[in-house]
Amino acid sequence: MFNICINKTYNMKSMGVLKYTFSLCLVLFLSVSMSAQKEYKAGNDGWLVNLEEAYDLSKKTGKPILANFTGSDWCGWCKRLTKSVFVKKEFKAWAADNVILLELDYPRRTKVPADIKKQNAGLQQAFKIKGFPTIWVFDLDKDAEGKWEIDAFGKTGYTKTPGEFTTGIDKMIERKKATAGE
């Protein structure tokens, strides 16, 4: 789109028109880029992609964050987990009552906005993610300097059914509550 605008105005004799068209094209390019970032969302309904949003919602509701580290467009086990668990009504109902859902995607074909890509890379490093899918359950806080403090409950990977998945997560949450009460 950007090159098309420049090529169309290149033959015009008036520099004023060239500057105006160039500025208009730049504005259009930037608005398309910004709208693409605003439109970026998780592959599944109800999941967030921004850690700050998940943190705010977690603080407001008192629910831990369930983060799905996924390669949505290339990872076979990630796709299987989505089909067997994340799209099922049983999981969605459980999640609405128990956790804040955060998708951290590392696709190969889908474009991810730079800020989300940077966020995901930092979290991949912080959680030492080596394979996909990996699901972590955790609480977040910020220290006095505004740096994230992660209080991890535990992690899991692929499971075959929503019941098996949610039972495992429930056990992590219960263990964390029990150790916090000691």
Protein backbone atom coordinates (compact mmCIF):
# COMPACT_ATOMS: atom_id res chain seq x y z
CA MET A 1 0.00 0.00 0.00
CA PHE A 2 2.78 2.42 0.89
CA ASN A 3 4.73 1.81 -2.34
CA ILE A 4 1.60 2.11 -4.44
CA CYS A 5 0.94 5.59 -3.09
CA ILE A 6 4.48 6.77 -3.80
CA ASN A 7 4.48 5.36 -7.34
CA LYS A 8 1.18 7.05 -8.16
CA THR A 9 2.42 10.44 -6.99
CA TYR A 10 5.93 10.20 -8.42
CA ASN A 11 4.86 11.49 -11.85
CA MET A 12 3.02 14.50 -10.43
CA LYS A 13 4.81 17.80 -11.04
CA SER A 14 3.72 19.66 -7.92
CA MET A 15 5.82 18.92 -4.83
CA GLY A 16 2.92 20.10 -2.68
CA VAL A 17 0.75 17.31 -4.04
CA LEU A 18 3.60 14.83 -3.54
CA LYS A 19 4.04 15.83 0.11
CA TYR A 20 0.28 15.77 0.71
CA THR A 21 -0.10 12.32 -0.88
CA PHE A 22 2.97 11.00 0.93
CA SER A 23 1.59 12.27 4.26
CA LEU A 24 -1.83 10.78 3.53
CA CYS A 25 -0.25 7.44 2.64
CA LEU A 26 1.85 7.50 5.80
CA VAL A 27 -1.24 8.23 7.90
CA LEU A 28 -3.14 5.39 6.20
CA PHE A 29 -0.19 3.03 6.68
CA LEU A 30 0.12 3.90 10.36
CA SER A 31 -3.61 3.60 10.99
CA VAL A 32 -3.67 0.17 9.31
CA SER A 33 -0.67 -0.92 11.42
CA MET A 34 -2.26 0.37 14.62
CA SER A 35 -5.61 -1.22 13.85
CA ALA A 36 -3.85 -4.52 13.17
CA GLN A 37 -2.34 -4.32 16.67
CA LYS A 38 -5.72 -3.47 18.19
CA GLU A 39 -7.33 -6.35 16.30
CA TYR A 40 -4.76 -8.92 17.40
CA LYS A 41 -6.48 -11.34 19.70
CA ALA A 42 -6.18 -14.86 21.02
CA GLY A 43 -7.15 -17.84 18.92
CA ASN A 44 -9.86 -18.83 21.41
CA ASP A 45 -12.71 -16.74 22.77
CA GLY A 46 -12.27 -15.52 26.31
CA TRP A 47 -8.47 -15.53 26.26
CA LEU A 48 -6.37 -12.39 26.66
CA VAL A 49 -3.05 -11.73 24.91
CA ASN A 50 -1.78 -8.84 27.03
CA LEU A 51 -0.12 -9.60 30.37
CA GLU A 52 -1.02 -6.20 31.82
CA GLU A 53 -4.72 -6.80 31.09
CA ALA A 54 -4.53 -10.28 32.62
CA TYR A 55 -2.78 -8.85 35.68
CA ASP A 56 -5.41 -6.14 36.16
CA LEU A 57 -8.26 -8.65 35.85
CA SER A 58 -6.49 -11.11 38.15
CA LYS A 59 -6.06 -8.42 40.81
CA LYS A 60 -9.68 -7.34 40.46
CA THR A 61 -11.14 -10.87 40.70
CA GLY A 62 -8.57 -12.63 42.91
CA LYS A 63 -8.21 -15.40 40.31
CA PRO A 64 -4.82 -16.77 39.22
CA ILE A 65 -3.65 -16.50 35.62
CA LEU A 66 -3.61 -19.61 33.45
CA ALA A 67 -1.09 -18.98 30.65
CA ASN A 68 -1.04 -21.16 27.57
CA PHE A 69 2.35 -21.05 25.84
CA THR A 70 1.44 -22.22 22.36
CA GLY A 71 2.57 -22.44 18.76
CA SER A 72 -0.97 -22.09 17.46
CA ASP A 73 -0.29 -22.43 13.75
CA TRP A 74 2.40 -25.12 13.74
CA CYS A 75 2.35 -27.15 16.98
CA GLY A 76 0.30 -30.33 16.60
CA TRP A 77 -0.05 -30.95 20.35
CA CYS A 78 -1.16 -27.33 20.84
CA LYS A 79 -3.87 -27.78 18.24
CA ARG A 80 -4.96 -31.05 19.86
CA LEU A 81 -5.14 -29.41 23.30
CA THR A 82 -7.30 -26.64 21.90
CA LYS A 83 -9.66 -29.12 20.21
CA SER A 84 -9.88 -31.50 23.14
CA VAL A 85 -9.99 -28.98 26.01
CA PHE A 86 -10.02 -25.22 25.37
CA VAL A 87 -13.05 -25.07 23.04
CA LYS A 88 -15.23 -27.35 25.19
CA LYS A 89 -18.13 -25.88 27.19
CA GLU A 90 -16.99 -27.71 30.33
CA PHE A 91 -13.59 -26.01 30.23
CA LYS A 92 -15.03 -22.59 29.42
CA ALA A 93 -17.45 -22.76 32.34
CA TRP A 94 -14.71 -23.89 34.72
CA ALA A 95 -12.31 -21.19 33.48
CA ALA A 96 -14.90 -18.42 33.90
CA ASP A 97 -15.18 -19.33 37.60
CA ASN A 98 -11.55 -20.12 38.40
CA VAL A 99 -8.85 -18.44 36.28
CA ILE A 100 -7.89 -15.58 33.98
CA LEU A 101 -6.92 -17.01 30.59
CA LEU A 102 -3.78 -15.69 28.87
CA GLU A 103 -2.58 -16.92 25.50
CA LEU A 104 1.13 -16.52 24.79
CA ASP A 105 1.50 -17.47 21.15
CA TYR A 106 4.65 -18.17 19.14
CA PRO A 107 3.25 -18.68 15.64
CA ARG A 108 5.32 -19.12 12.50
CA ARG A 109 2.84 -17.81 9.92
CA THR A 110 0.66 -15.40 11.88
CA LYS A 111 1.97 -11.88 12.45
CA VAL A 112 2.13 -10.83 16.09
CA PRO A 113 2.45 -7.14 17.06
CA ALA A 114 5.95 -6.21 18.22
CA ASP A 115 4.90 -5.36 21.78
CA ILE A 116 3.11 -8.70 22.24
CA LYS A 117 6.03 -10.56 20.63
CA LYS A 118 8.44 -8.90 23.07
CA GLN A 119 6.15 -9.65 26.02
CA ASN A 120 5.84 -13.31 24.99
CA ALA A 121 9.59 -13.70 24.51
CA GLY A 122 10.22 -12.30 28.00
CA LEU A 123 7.67 -14.66 29.55
CA GLN A 124 9.07 -17.62 27.63
CA GLN A 125 12.47 -16.81 29.12
CA ALA A 126 11.09 -16.17 32.64
CA PHE A 127 9.22 -19.48 32.70
CA LYS A 128 12.03 -21.36 30.90
CA ILE A 129 9.67 -22.70 28.24
CA LYS A 130 11.35 -25.34 26.11
CA GLY A 131 8.35 -27.00 24.48
CA PHE A 132 4.76 -26.42 23.48
CA PRO A 133 2.12 -26.56 24.74
CA THR A 134 3.13 -25.58 28.24
CA ILE A 135 0.52 -24.22 30.61
CA TRP A 136 1.50 -22.33 33.76
CA VAL A 137 -0.78 -21.20 36.56
CA PHE A 138 0.47 -18.24 38.59
CA ASP A 139 -0.22 -15.03 40.43
CA LEU A 140 1.51 -11.78 39.53
CA ASP A 141 2.52 -8.77 41.49
CA LYS A 142 4.74 -5.77 40.92
CA ASP A 143 7.59 -4.69 43.14
CA ALA A 144 8.33 -1.08 44.10
CA GLU A 145 10.19 -0.57 40.81
CA GLY A 146 7.30 -1.91 38.73
CA LYS A 147 9.01 -5.22 37.89
CA TRP A 148 6.90 -8.35 37.70
CA GLU A 149 7.00 -10.84 40.57
CA ILE A 150 5.72 -14.26 39.60
CA ASP A 151 4.25 -16.63 42.17
CA ALA A 152 3.96 -19.89 40.23
CA PHE A 153 1.49 -22.60 41.24
CA GLY A 154 2.63 -25.22 38.74
CA LYS A 155 2.65 -26.26 35.10
CA THR A 156 1.15 -28.87 32.84
CA GLY A 157 1.00 -29.78 29.18
CA TYR A 158 -1.33 -31.68 26.91
CA THR A 159 -4.25 -33.58 28.45
CA LYS A 160 -7.00 -35.43 26.63
CA THR A 161 -10.14 -34.13 28.32
CA PRO A 162 -11.42 -30.95 29.96
CA GLY A 163 -12.06 -32.88 33.20
CA GLU A 164 -8.52 -34.22 33.36
CA PHE A 165 -7.13 -30.76 32.60
CA THR A 166 -9.25 -28.84 35.10
CA THR A 167 -8.73 -31.43 37.85
CA GLY A 168 -4.97 -30.99 37.49
CA ILE A 169 -5.24 -27.21 37.64
CA ASP A 170 -7.61 -27.36 40.61
CA LYS A 171 -5.02 -29.45 42.48
CA MET A 172 -2.33 -26.83 41.76
CA ILE A 173 -4.58 -24.05 43.06
CA GLU A 174 -5.53 -26.05 46.19
CA ARG A 175 -1.85 -26.86 46.94
CA LYS A 176 -0.98 -23.19 46.62
CA LYS A 177 -3.81 -22.15 48.95
CA ALA A 178 -2.75 -24.79 51.48
CA THR A 179 0.87 -23.65 51.49
CA ALA A 180 -0.17 -19.98 51.71
CA GLY A 181 -2.25 -20.77 54.81
CA GLU A 182 0.65 -22.41 56.65
